[in-house]
PDB file of N, CA and C in Angstrom:
ATOM      1  N   UNK A   1     -12.236-237.386  35.652  1.00  0.00           N
ATOM      2  CA  UNK A   1     -11.990-236.272  34.803  1.00  0.00           C
ATOM      3  C   UNK A   1     -12.487-236.429  33.379  1.00  0.00           C
ATOM      4  N   UNK A   2     -13.125-235.152  33.050  1.00  0.00           N
ATOM      5  CA  UNK A   2     -13.628-235.109  31.727  1.00  0.00           C
ATOM      6  C   UNK A   2     -12.707-234.500  30.778  1.00  0.00           C
ATOM      7  N   UNK A   3     -11.796-233.858  31.141  1.00  0.00           N
ATOM      8  CA  UNK A   3     -10.969-233.017  30.347  1.00  0.00           C
ATOM      9  C   UNK A   3     -11.150-231.737  30.273  1.00  0.00           C
ATOM     10  N   UNK A   4     -12.333-231.277  30.521  1.00  0.00           N
ATOM     11  CA  UNK A   4     -12.945-230.042  30.367  1.00  0.00           C
ATOM     12  C   UNK A   4     -12.513-229.061  31.514  1.00  0.00           C
ATOM     13  N   UNK A   5     -12.301-229.841  32.714  1.00  0.00           N
ATOM     14  CA  UNK A   5     -11.877-229.133  33.967  1.00  0.00           C
ATOM     15  C   UNK A   5     -10.478-228.760  33.936  1.00  0.00           C
ATOM     16  N   UNK A   6      -9.766-229.323  32.955  1.00  0.00           N
ATOM     17  CA  UNK A   6      -8.296-228.742  32.840  1.00  0.00           C
ATOM     18  C   UNK A   6      -8.084-227.663  31.835  1.00  0.00           C
ATOM     19  N   UNK A   7      -9.212-227.171  31.157  1.00  0.00           N
ATOM     20  CA  UNK A   7      -9.217-226.016  30.352  1.00  0.00           C
ATOM     21  C   UNK A   7      -9.589-224.649  30.843  1.00  0.00           C
ATOM     22  N   UNK A   8      -9.301-223.662  30.263  1.00  0.00           N
ATOM     23  CA  UNK A   8      -9.435-222.379  30.957  1.00  0.00           C
ATOM     24  C   UNK A   8     -10.706-221.666  30.144  1.00  0.00           C
ATOM     25  N   UNK A   9     -11.446-221.094  30.858  1.00  0.00           N
ATOM     26  CA  UNK A   9     -12.577-220.336  30.133  1.00  0.00           C
ATOM     27  C   UNK A   9     -11.921-219.264  29.283  1.00  0.00           C
ATOM     28  N   UNK A  10     -12.678-218.984  28.148  1.00  0.00           N
ATOM     29  CA  UNK A  10     -12.142-217.856  27.331  1.00  0.00           C
ATOM     30  C   UNK A  10     -13.185-216.706  27.270  1.00  0.00           C
ATOM     31  N   UNK A  11     -12.660-215.658  27.608  1.00  0.00           N
ATOM     32  CA  UNK A  11     -13.736-214.512  27.712  1.00  0.00           C
ATOM     33  C   UNK A  11     -14.222-214.322  26.161  1.00  0.00           C
ATOM     34  N   UNK A  12     -15.534-214.169  26.253  1.00  0.00           N
ATOM     35  CA  UNK A  12     -16.344-213.909  24.931  1.00  0.00           C
ATOM     36  C   UNK A  12     -16.214-212.309  24.694  1.00  0.00           C
ATOM     37  N   UNK A  13     -15.969-212.079  23.545  1.00  0.00           N
ATOM     38  CA  UNK A  13     -16.262-210.904  23.148  1.00  0.00           C
ATOM     39  C   UNK A  13     -17.292-210.277  22.240  1.00  0.00           C
ATOM     40  N   UNK A  14     -18.211-211.307  22.122  1.00  0.00           N
ATOM     41  CA  UNK A  14     -19.360-211.259  21.233  1.00  0.00           C
ATOM     42  C   UNK A  14     -19.119-211.518  19.689  1.00  0.00           C
ATOM     43  N   UNK A  15     -20.025-211.223  18.959  1.00  0.00           N
ATOM     44  CA  UNK A  15     -19.636-211.561  17.523  1.00  0.00           C
ATOM     45  C   UNK A  15     -19.581-212.973  17.096  1.00  0.00           C
ATOM     46  N   UNK A  16     -19.702-213.895  17.822  1.00  0.00           N
ATOM     47  CA  UNK A  16     -19.570-215.286  17.519  1.00  0.00           C
ATOM     48  C   UNK A  16     -21.033-216.039  17.757  1.00  0.00           C
ATOM     49  N   UNK A  17     -21.104-216.834  16.943  1.00  0.00           N
ATOM     50  CA  UNK A  17     -22.262-217.539  16.986  1.00  0.00           C
ATOM     51  C   UNK A  17     -22.588-218.580  18.399  1.00  0.00           C
ATOM     52  N   UNK A  18     -23.625-218.788  19.055  1.00  0.00           N
ATOM     53  CA  UNK A  18     -23.397-219.673  20.164  1.00  0.00           C
ATOM     54  C   UNK A  18     -23.497-221.241  19.586  1.00  0.00           C
ATOM     55  N   UNK A  19     -23.243-222.298  20.205  1.00  0.00           N
ATOM     56  CA  UNK A  19     -22.929-223.532  19.937  1.00  0.00           C
ATOM     57  C   UNK A  19     -24.429-223.944  19.416  1.00  0.00           C
ATOM     58  N   UNK A  20     -24.326-224.807  18.296  1.00  0.00           N
ATOM     59  CA  UNK A  20     -25.538-225.374  17.706  1.00  0.00           C
ATOM     60  C   UNK A  20     -25.840-226.662  18.612  1.00  0.00           C
ATOM     61  N   UNK A  21     -27.088-227.197  18.432  1.00  0.00           N
ATOM     62  CA  UNK A  21     -27.450-228.389  19.181  1.00  0.00           C
ATOM     63  C   UNK A  21     -26.495-229.604  19.271  1.00  0.00           C
ATOM     64  N   UNK A  22     -25.917-229.967  18.147  1.00  0.00           N
ATOM     65  CA  UNK A  22     -25.089-231.023  18.176  1.00  0.00           C
ATOM     66  C   UNK A  22     -23.729-230.771  18.947  1.00  0.00           C
ATOM     67  N   UNK A  23     -23.236-229.527  18.935  1.00  0.00           N
ATOM     68  CA  UNK A  23     -22.125-229.267  19.601  1.00  0.00           C
ATOM     69  C   UNK A  23     -22.314-229.007  21.233  1.00  0.00           C
ATOM     70  N   UNK A  24     -23.497-228.756  21.553  1.00  0.00           N
ATOM     71  CA  UNK A  24     -23.870-228.686  23.038  1.00  0.00           C
ATOM     72  C   UNK A  24     -24.113-229.987  23.479  1.00  0.00           C
ATOM     73  N   UNK A  25     -24.668-230.896  22.621  1.00  0.00           N
ATOM     74  CA  UNK A  25     -24.943-232.286  22.994  1.00  0.00           C
ATOM     75  C   UNK A  25     -23.609-232.987  23.306  1.00  0.00           C
ATOM     76  N   UNK A  26     -22.592-232.708  22.527  1.00  0.00           N
ATOM     77  CA  UNK A  26     -21.280-233.230  22.594  1.00  0.00           C
ATOM     78  C   UNK A  26     -20.817-232.907  23.805  1.00  0.00           C
ATOM     79  N   UNK A  27     -20.595-231.623  24.110  1.00  0.00           N
ATOM     80  CA  UNK A  27     -20.106-231.014  25.377  1.00  0.00           C
ATOM     81  C   UNK A  27     -20.796-231.558  26.688  1.00  0.00           C
ATOM     82  N   UNK A  28     -22.212-231.518  26.614  1.00  0.00           N
ATOM     83  CA  UNK A  28     -22.782-231.937  27.727  1.00  0.00           C
ATOM     84  C   UNK A  28     -22.611-233.403  28.279  1.00  0.00           C
ATOM     85  N   UNK A  29     -22.150-234.160  27.150  1.00  0.00           N
ATOM     86  CA  UNK A  29     -21.956-235.559  27.485  1.00  0.00           C
ATOM     87  C   UNK A  29     -20.532-235.787  28.233  1.00  0.00           C
ATOM     88  N   UNK A  30     -19.823-234.596  28.261  1.00  0.00           N
ATOM     89  CA  UNK A  30     -18.382-234.714  28.856  1.00  0.00           C
ATOM     90  C   UNK A  30     -18.427-234.306  30.343  1.00  0.00           C
ATOM     91  N   UNK A  31     -19.707-233.915  30.725  1.00  0.00           N
ATOM     92  CA  UNK A  31     -19.733-233.195  32.092  1.00  0.00           C
ATOM     93  C   UNK A  31     -20.751-234.179  32.955  1.00  0.00           C
ATOM     94  N   UNK A  32     -20.885-233.985  34.227  1.00  0.00           N
ATOM     95  CA  UNK A  32     -21.672-234.708  35.046  1.00  0.00           C
ATOM     96  C   UNK A  32     -23.177-234.759  34.525  1.00  0.00           C
ATOM     97  N   UNK A  33     -23.749-236.003  34.694  1.00  0.00           N
ATOM     98  CA  UNK A  33     -25.050-236.211  34.282  1.00  0.00           C
ATOM     99  C   UNK A  33     -26.117-235.429  34.808  1.00  0.00           C
ATOM    100  N   UNK A  34     -25.998-234.697  35.925  1.00  0.00           N
ATOM    101  CA  UNK A  34     -26.780-234.061  36.609  1.00  0.00           C
ATOM    102  C   UNK A  34     -27.115-232.727  35.913  1.00  0.00           C
ATOM    103  N   UNK A  35     -26.208-232.360  34.914  1.00  0.00           N
ATOM    104  CA  UNK A  35     -26.319-231.092  34.397  1.00  0.00           C
ATOM    105  C   UNK A  35     -27.456-231.287  33.230  1.00  0.00           C
ATOM    106  N   UNK A  36     -28.342-230.316  33.031  1.00  0.00           N
ATOM    107  CA  UNK A  36     -29.472-230.295  32.090  1.00  0.00           C
ATOM    108  C   UNK A  36     -29.187-229.367  30.875  1.00  0.00           C
ATOM    109  N   UNK A  37     -29.249-229.623  29.844  1.00  0.00           N
ATOM    110  CA  UNK A  37     -29.236-228.692  28.736  1.00  0.00           C
ATOM    111  C   UNK A  37     -30.561-228.090  28.474  1.00  0.00           C
ATOM    112  N   UNK A  38     -30.882-226.850  28.656  1.00  0.00           N
ATOM    113  CA  UNK A  38     -32.161-226.249  28.608  1.00  0.00           C
ATOM    114  C   UNK A  38     -32.399-225.358  27.131  1.00  0.00           C
ATOM    115  N   UNK A  39     -33.241-225.957  26.237  1.00  0.00           N
ATOM    116  CA  UNK A  39     -33.465-225.142  25.010  1.00  0.00           C
ATOM    117  C   UNK A  39     -32.320-224.833  24.226  1.00  0.00           C
ATOM    118  N   UNK A  40     -31.110-225.491  24.440  1.00  0.00           N
ATOM    119  CA  UNK A  40     -29.805-225.153  23.753  1.00  0.00           C
ATOM    120  C   UNK A  40     -29.484-223.687  24.215  1.00  0.00           C
ATOM    121  N   UNK A  41     -30.008-223.115  25.146  1.00  0.00           N
ATOM    122  CA  UNK A  41     -29.612-221.978  25.472  1.00  0.00           C
ATOM    123  C   UNK A  41     -28.719-221.850  26.795  1.00  0.00           C
ATOM    124  N   UNK A  42     -28.922-222.683  27.685  1.00  0.00           N
ATOM    125  CA  UNK A  42     -28.227-222.702  29.039  1.00  0.00           C
ATOM    126  C   UNK A  42     -28.219-224.062  29.558  1.00  0.00           C
ATOM    127  N   UNK A  43     -27.249-224.293  30.513  1.00  0.00           N
ATOM    128  CA  UNK A  43     -27.160-225.436  31.406  1.00  0.00           C
ATOM    129  C   UNK A  43     -27.352-225.196  32.656  1.00  0.00           C
ATOM    130  N   UNK A  44     -27.976-226.155  33.386  1.00  0.00           N
ATOM    131  CA  UNK A  44     -28.356-225.906  34.887  1.00  0.00           C
ATOM    132  C   UNK A  44     -28.346-227.097  35.671  1.00  0.00           C
ATOM    133  N   UNK A  45     -28.072-227.113  36.855  1.00  0.00           N
ATOM    134  CA  UNK A  45     -27.780-228.166  37.801  1.00  0.00           C
ATOM    135  C   UNK A  45     -28.414-227.839  39.144  1.00  0.00           C
ATOM    136  N   UNK A  46     -28.863-228.621  39.867  1.00  0.00           N
ATOM    137  CA  UNK A  46     -29.369-228.405  41.338  1.00  0.00           C
ATOM    138  C   UNK A  46     -28.648-229.350  42.160  1.00  0.00           C
ATOM    139  N   UNK A  47     -28.163-228.763  43.202  1.00  0.00           N
ATOM    140  CA  UNK A  47     -27.449-229.592  44.515  1.00  0.00           C
ATOM    141  C   UNK A  47     -28.206-229.578  45.667  1.00  0.00           C
ATOM    142  N   UNK A  48     -28.466-230.637  46.385  1.00  0.00           N
ATOM    143  CA  UNK A  48     -29.131-230.753  47.677  1.00  0.00           C
ATOM    144  C   UNK A  48     -28.443-230.750  48.830  1.00  0.00           C
ATOM    145  N   UNK A  49     -28.563-230.115  49.735  1.00  0.00           N
ATOM    146  CA  UNK A  49     -27.616-230.015  51.091  1.00  0.00           C
ATOM    147  C   UNK A  49     -28.579-230.212  52.430  1.00  0.00           C
ATOM    148  N   UNK A  50     -28.014-230.482  53.504  1.00  0.00           N
ATOM    149  CA  UNK A  50     -28.760-230.738  54.660  1.00  0.00           C
ATOM    150  C   UNK A  50     -29.077-229.409  55.246  1.00  0.00           C
ATOM    151  N   UNK A  51     -28.724-228.223  55.002  1.00  0.00           N
ATOM    152  CA  UNK A  51     -29.025-226.913  55.568  1.00  0.00           C
ATOM    153  C   UNK A  51     -28.672-225.772  54.699  1.00  0.00           C
ATOM    154  N   UNK A  52     -29.082-224.637  55.039  1.00  0.00           N
ATOM    155  CA  UNK A  52     -28.750-223.289  54.230  1.00  0.00           C
ATOM    156  C   UNK A  52     -27.231-222.970  54.249  1.00  0.00           C
ATOM    157  N   UNK A  53     -26.575-223.267  55.561  1.00  0.00           N
ATOM    158  CA  UNK A  53     -25.082-222.909  55.672  1.00  0.00           C
ATOM    159  C   UNK A  53     -24.187-223.685  54.487  1.00  0.00           C
ATOM    160  N   UNK A  54     -24.752-224.983  54.511  1.00  0.00           N
ATOM    161  CA  UNK A  54     -23.941-225.775  53.471  1.00  0.00           C
ATOM    162  C   UNK A  54     -24.102-225.420  52.090  1.00  0.00           C
ATOM    163  N   UNK A  55     -25.341-224.992  51.660  1.00  0.00           N
ATOM    164  CA  UNK A  55     -25.711-224.570  50.418  1.00  0.00           C
ATOM    165  C   UNK A  55     -24.906-223.242  50.168  1.00  0.00           C
ATOM    166  N   UNK A  56     -24.997-222.293  51.211  1.00  0.00           N
ATOM    167  CA  UNK A  56     -24.151-221.029  50.722  1.00  0.00           C
ATOM    168  C   UNK A  56     -22.634-221.266  50.767  1.00  0.00           C
ATOM    169  N   UNK A  57     -22.169-222.245  51.734  1.00  0.00           N
ATOM    170  CA  UNK A  57     -20.655-222.566  51.654  1.00  0.00           C
ATOM    171  C   UNK A  57     -20.546-222.894  50.044  1.00  0.00           C
ATOM    172  N   UNK A  58     -21.131-223.778  49.559  1.00  0.00           N
ATOM    173  CA  UNK A  58     -21.131-224.374  48.048  1.00  0.00           C
ATOM    174  C   UNK A  58     -21.056-223.137  47.064  1.00  0.00           C
ATOM    175  N   UNK A  59     -22.188-222.396  47.200  1.00  0.00           N
ATOM    176  CA  UNK A  59     -21.973-221.231  46.301  1.00  0.00           C
ATOM    177  C   UNK A  59     -20.988-220.195  46.390  1.00  0.00           C
ATOM    178  N   UNK A  60     -20.656-220.066  47.454  1.00  0.00           N
ATOM    179  CA  UNK A  60     -19.404-219.043  47.751  1.00  0.00           C
ATOM    180  C   UNK A  60     -18.072-219.777  47.229  1.00  0.00           C
ATOM    181  N   UNK A  61     -17.966-221.044  47.342  1.00  0.00           N
ATOM    182  CA  UNK A  61     -16.860-221.726  46.632  1.00  0.00           C
ATOM    183  C   UNK A  61     -16.879-221.747  45.012  1.00  0.00           C
ATOM    184  N   UNK A  62     -18.248-222.054  44.500  1.00  0.00           N
ATOM    185  CA  UNK A  62     -18.406-222.116  43.300  1.00  0.00           C
ATOM    186  C   UNK A  62     -18.058-220.688  42.549  1.00  0.00           C
ATOM    187  N   UNK A  63     -18.613-219.555  43.440  1.00  0.00           N
ATOM    188  CA  UNK A  63     -18.369-218.216  42.928  1.00  0.00           C
ATOM    189  C   UNK A  63     -16.705-217.923  43.011  1.00  0.00           C
ATOM    190  N   UNK A  64     -15.881-218.493  43.823  1.00  0.00           N
ATOM    191  CA  UNK A  64     -14.550-218.134  43.657  1.00  0.00           C
ATOM    192  C   UNK A  64     -13.956-218.845  42.328  1.00  0.00           C
ATOM    193  N   UNK A  65     -14.497-220.068  41.881  1.00  0.00           N
ATOM    194  CA  UNK A  65     -14.202-220.633  40.600  1.00  0.00           C
ATOM    195  C   UNK A  65     -14.582-219.636  39.545  1.00  0.00           C
ATOM    196  N   UNK A  66     -15.698-219.028  39.636  1.00  0.00           N
ATOM    197  CA  UNK A  66     -16.182-218.001  38.405  1.00  0.00           C
ATOM    198  C   UNK A  66     -15.164-217.034  38.491  1.00  0.00           C
ATOM    199  N   UNK A  67     -14.804-216.405  39.505  1.00  0.00           N
ATOM    200  CA  UNK A  67     -13.936-215.265  39.608  1.00  0.00           C
ATOM    201  C   UNK A  67     -12.530-215.603  39.081  1.00  0.00           C
ATOM    202  N   UNK A  68     -12.145-216.994  39.396  1.00  0.00           N
ATOM    203  CA  UNK A  68     -10.773-217.322  38.738  1.00  0.00           C
ATOM    204  C   UNK A  68     -10.824-217.350  37.414  1.00  0.00           C
ATOM    205  N   UNK A  69     -11.921-218.019  36.831  1.00  0.00           N
ATOM    206  CA  UNK A  69     -12.175-218.169  35.493  1.00  0.00           C
ATOM    207  C   UNK A  69     -12.590-216.904  34.620  1.00  0.00           C
ATOM    208  N   UNK A  70     -13.109-215.910  35.249  1.00  0.00           N
ATOM    209  CA  UNK A  70     -13.516-214.673  34.671  1.00  0.00           C
ATOM    210  C   UNK A  70     -14.753-215.144  33.726  1.00  0.00           C
ATOM    211  N   UNK A  71     -15.502-216.069  34.351  1.00  0.00           N
ATOM    212  CA  UNK A  71     -16.802-216.651  33.560  1.00  0.00           C
ATOM    213  C   UNK A  71     -17.836-216.814  34.727  1.00  0.00           C
ATOM    214  N   UNK A  72     -18.962-216.288  34.733  1.00  0.00           N
ATOM    215  CA  UNK A  72     -19.847-216.241  35.892  1.00  0.00           C
ATOM    216  C   UNK A  72     -21.209-216.856  35.636  1.00  0.00           C
ATOM    217  N   UNK A  73     -21.513-217.718  36.651  1.00  0.00           N
ATOM    218  CA  UNK A  73     -22.648-218.334  36.494  1.00  0.00           C
ATOM    219  C   UNK A  73     -23.820-217.623  37.314  1.00  0.00           C
ATOM    220  N   UNK A  74     -25.197-217.827  37.024  1.00  0.00           N
ATOM    221  CA  UNK A  74     -26.109-217.372  37.948  1.00  0.00           C
ATOM    222  C   UNK A  74     -26.318-218.560  38.876  1.00  0.00           C
ATOM    223  N   UNK A  75     -26.772-218.097  40.045  1.00  0.00           N
ATOM    224  CA  UNK A  75     -27.064-219.023  41.219  1.00  0.00           C
ATOM    225  C   UNK A  75     -28.313-218.590  41.933  1.00  0.00           C
ATOM    226  N   UNK A  76     -29.022-219.589  42.212  1.00  0.00           N
ATOM    227  CA  UNK A  76     -30.148-219.507  43.120  1.00  0.00           C
ATOM    228  C   UNK A  76     -29.971-220.310  44.243  1.00  0.00           C
ATOM    229  N   UNK A  77     -30.137-219.768  45.506  1.00  0.00           N
ATOM    230  CA  UNK A  77     -29.970-220.491  46.833  1.00  0.00           C
ATOM    231  C   UNK A  77     -31.167-220.414  47.763  1.00  0.00           C
ATOM    232  N   UNK A  78     -31.337-221.490  48.235  1.00  0.00           N
ATOM    233  CA  UNK A  78     -32.538-221.563  49.267  1.00  0.00           C
ATOM    234  C   UNK A  78     -32.047-222.644  50.309  1.00  0.00           C
ATOM    235  N   UNK A  79     -33.039-222.908  51.453  1.00  0.00           N
ATOM    236  CA  UNK A  79     -32.570-223.753  52.530  1.00  0.00           C
ATOM    237  C   UNK A  79     -32.408-225.174  51.647  1.00  0.00           C
ATOM    238  N   UNK A  80     -31.107-225.721  52.019  1.00  0.00           N
ATOM    239  CA  UNK A  80     -30.863-227.033  51.488  1.00  0.00           C
ATOM    240  C   UNK A  80     -30.626-227.323  49.994  1.00  0.00           C
ATOM    241  N   UNK A  81     -30.501-226.118  49.263  1.00  0.00           N
ATOM    242  CA  UNK A  81     -30.553-226.333  47.856  1.00  0.00           C
ATOM    243  C   UNK A  81     -29.758-225.149  47.214  1.00  0.00           C
ATOM    244  N   UNK A  82     -28.903-225.316  46.153  1.00  0.00           N
ATOM    245  CA  UNK A  82     -28.353-224.599  45.278  1.00  0.00           C
ATOM    246  C   UNK A  82     -28.556-224.895  43.949  1.00  0.00           C
ATOM    247  N   UNK A  83     -28.762-223.905  42.989  1.00  0.00           N
ATOM    248  CA  UNK A  83     -29.145-224.125  41.655  1.00  0.00           C
ATOM    249  C   UNK A  83     -27.986-223.307  40.794  1.00  0.00           C
ATOM    250  N   UNK A  84     -27.472-223.677  39.915  1.00  0.00           N
ATOM    251  CA  UNK A  84     -26.648-223.124  38.740  1.00  0.00           C
ATOM    252  C   UNK A  84     -27.160-223.084  37.511  1.00  0.00           C
ATOM    253  N   UNK A  85     -27.018-221.904  36.992  1.00  0.00           N
ATOM    254  CA  UNK A  85     -27.529-221.785  35.579  1.00  0.00           C
ATOM    255  C   UNK A  85     -26.459-220.998  34.818  1.00  0.00           C
ATOM    256  N   UNK A  86     -25.864-221.793  33.681  1.00  0.00           N
ATOM    257  CA  UNK A  86     -24.787-220.916  32.966  1.00  0.00           C
ATOM    258  C   UNK A  86     -25.022-220.933  31.524  1.00  0.00           C
ATOM    259  N   UNK A  87     -24.644-219.709  31.152  1.00  0.00           N
ATOM    260  CA  UNK A  87     -24.703-219.614  29.558  1.00  0.00           C
ATOM    261  C   UNK A  87     -23.782-218.416  29.464  1.00  0.00           C
ATOM    262  N   UNK A  88     -23.392-218.068  28.228  1.00  0.00           N
ATOM    263  CA  UNK A  88     -22.472-216.850  27.888  1.00  0.00           C
ATOM    264  C   UNK A  88     -23.418-215.697  27.557  1.00  0.00           C
ATOM    265  N   UNK A  89     -23.599-214.744  28.401  1.00  0.00           N
ATOM    266  CA  UNK A  89     -24.491-213.574  28.455  1.00  0.00           C
ATOM    267  C   UNK A  89     -24.113-212.684  27.177  1.00  0.00           C
ATOM    268  N   UNK A  90     -22.995-212.517  26.658  1.00  0.00           N
ATOM    269  CA  UNK A  90     -22.725-211.587  25.617  1.00  0.00           C
ATOM    270  C   UNK A  90     -23.274-212.095  24.343  1.00  0.00           C
ATOM    271  N   UNK A  91     -23.470-213.455  24.188  1.00  0.00           N
ATOM    272  CA  UNK A  91     -24.084-213.893  22.985  1.00  0.00           C
ATOM    273  C   UNK A  91     -25.514-214.497  23.251  1.00  0.00           C
ATOM    274  N   UNK A  92     -25.904-214.538  24.570  1.00  0.00           N
ATOM    275  CA  UNK A  92     -27.283-215.255  24.965  1.00  0.00           C
ATOM    276  C   UNK A  92     -27.469-216.708  24.499  1.00  0.00           C
ATOM    277  N   UNK A  93     -26.277-217.248  24.538  1.00  0.00           N
ATOM    278  CA  UNK A  93     -26.189-218.772  24.281  1.00  0.00           C
ATOM    279  C   UNK A  93     -25.178-219.319  24.774  1.00  0.00           C
ATOM    280  N   UNK A  94     -24.734-220.578  24.423  1.00  0.00           N
ATOM    281  CA  UNK A  94     -23.731-221.366  24.849  1.00  0.00           C
ATOM    282  C   UNK A  94     -22.354-221.408  24.161  1.00  0.00           C
ATOM    283  N   UNK A  95     -21.506-221.304  24.939  1.00  0.00           N
ATOM    284  CA  UNK A  95     -19.983-221.735  24.361  1.00  0.00           C
ATOM    285  C   UNK A  95     -19.271-222.798  25.045  1.00  0.00           C
ATOM    286  N   UNK A  96     -18.285-223.266  24.552  1.00  0.00           N
ATOM    287  CA  UNK A  96     -17.396-224.212  25.288  1.00  0.00           C
ATOM    288  C   UNK A  96     -17.174-223.694  26.798  1.00  0.00           C
ATOM    289  N   UNK A  97     -16.617-222.450  27.047  1.00  0.00           N
ATOM    290  CA  UNK A  97     -16.369-222.073  28.173  1.00  0.00           C
ATOM    291  C   UNK A  97     -17.686-222.262  29.333  1.00  0.00           C
ATOM    292  N   UNK A  98     -18.824-222.517  28.981  1.00  0.00           N
ATOM    293  CA  UNK A  98     -19.899-222.906  29.815  1.00  0.00           C
ATOM    294  C   UNK A  98     -19.741-224.115  30.357  1.00  0.00           C
ATOM    295  N   UNK A  99     -19.391-225.061  29.434  1.00  0.00           N
ATOM    296  CA  UNK A  99     -19.209-226.477  29.990  1.00  0.00           C
ATOM    297  C   UNK A  99     -17.843-226.746  30.641  1.00  0.00           C
ATOM    298  N   UNK A 100     -16.932-225.974  30.333  1.00  0.00           N
ATOM    299  CA  UNK A 100     -15.645-225.845  31.039  1.00  0.00           C
ATOM    300  C   UNK A 100     -15.951-225.394  32.645  1.00  0.00           C
ATOM    301  N   UNK A 101     -16.764-224.364  32.689  1.00  0.00           N
ATOM    302  CA  UNK A 101     -17.065-223.793  34.023  1.00  0.00           C
ATOM    303  C   UNK A 101     -17.759-224.744  34.850  1.00  0.00           C
ATOM    304  N   UNK A 102     -18.776-225.473  34.285  1.00  0.00           N
ATOM    305  CA  UNK A 102     -19.441-226.659  34.908  1.00  0.00           C
ATOM    306  C   UNK A 102     -18.654-227.746  35.306  1.00  0.00           C
ATOM    307  N   UNK A 103     -17.879-228.089  34.621  1.00  0.00           N
ATOM    308  CA  UNK A 103     -16.733-229.194  34.973  1.00  0.00           C
ATOM    309  C   UNK A 103     -15.966-228.777  36.136  1.00  0.00           C
ATOM    310  N   UNK A 104     -15.557-227.580  36.250  1.00  0.00           N
ATOM    311  CA  UNK A 104     -14.955-227.033  37.274  1.00  0.00           C
ATOM    312  C   UNK A 104     -15.489-226.978  38.530  1.00  0.00           C
ATOM    313  N   UNK A 105     -16.811-226.555  38.511  1.00  0.00           N
ATOM    314  CA  UNK A 105     -17.647-226.459  39.691  1.00  0.00           C
ATOM    315  C   UNK A 105     -17.893-227.962  40.334  1.00  0.00           C
ATOM    316  N   UNK A 106     -18.062-228.905  39.211  1.00  0.00           N
ATOM    317  CA  UNK A 106     -18.372-230.381  39.706  1.00  0.00           C
ATOM    318  C   UNK A 106     -17.234-230.926  40.539  1.00  0.00           C
ATOM    319  N   UNK A 107     -15.909-230.257  40.376  1.00  0.00           N
ATOM    320  CA  UNK A 107     -14.923-230.541  41.101  1.00  0.00           C
ATOM    321  C   UNK A 107     -14.922-230.265  42.674  1.00  0.00           C
ATOM    322  N   UNK A 108     -15.990-229.607  42.955  1.00  0.00           N
ATOM    323  CA  UNK A 108     -16.277-229.347  44.354  1.00  0.00           C
ATOM    324  C   UNK A 108     -16.807-230.377  45.320  1.00  0.00           C
ATOM    325  N   UNK A 109     -17.370-231.395  44.469  1.00  0.00           N
ATOM    326  CA  UNK A 109     -17.998-232.331  45.106  1.00  0.00           C
ATOM    327  C   UNK A 109     -16.981-233.454  45.694  1.00  0.00           C
TER     328      UNK A 109
END
């Protein structure tokens, strides 16, 4: 438990600055090491599976979490692989909710 998975994503109305590099670094340290912080713009992670059906099932379960949280990741899916990219589109950058969503998706493992 990182603590973030117990929080709720907060809808962004815009008009706020994205997290700075120090804030992002603090939050990414609280989630699974397999997440990567990319240019302090988004976080991403890849999962490997034995077949397409398992990858699809994972993405569908992760999508249900996104719906519950009202915060949506971008997903790429292919045979044996799923990738999630998360950022707050409204401000084109990162907020705490992005890391909360990542922590919640990690609970699927």
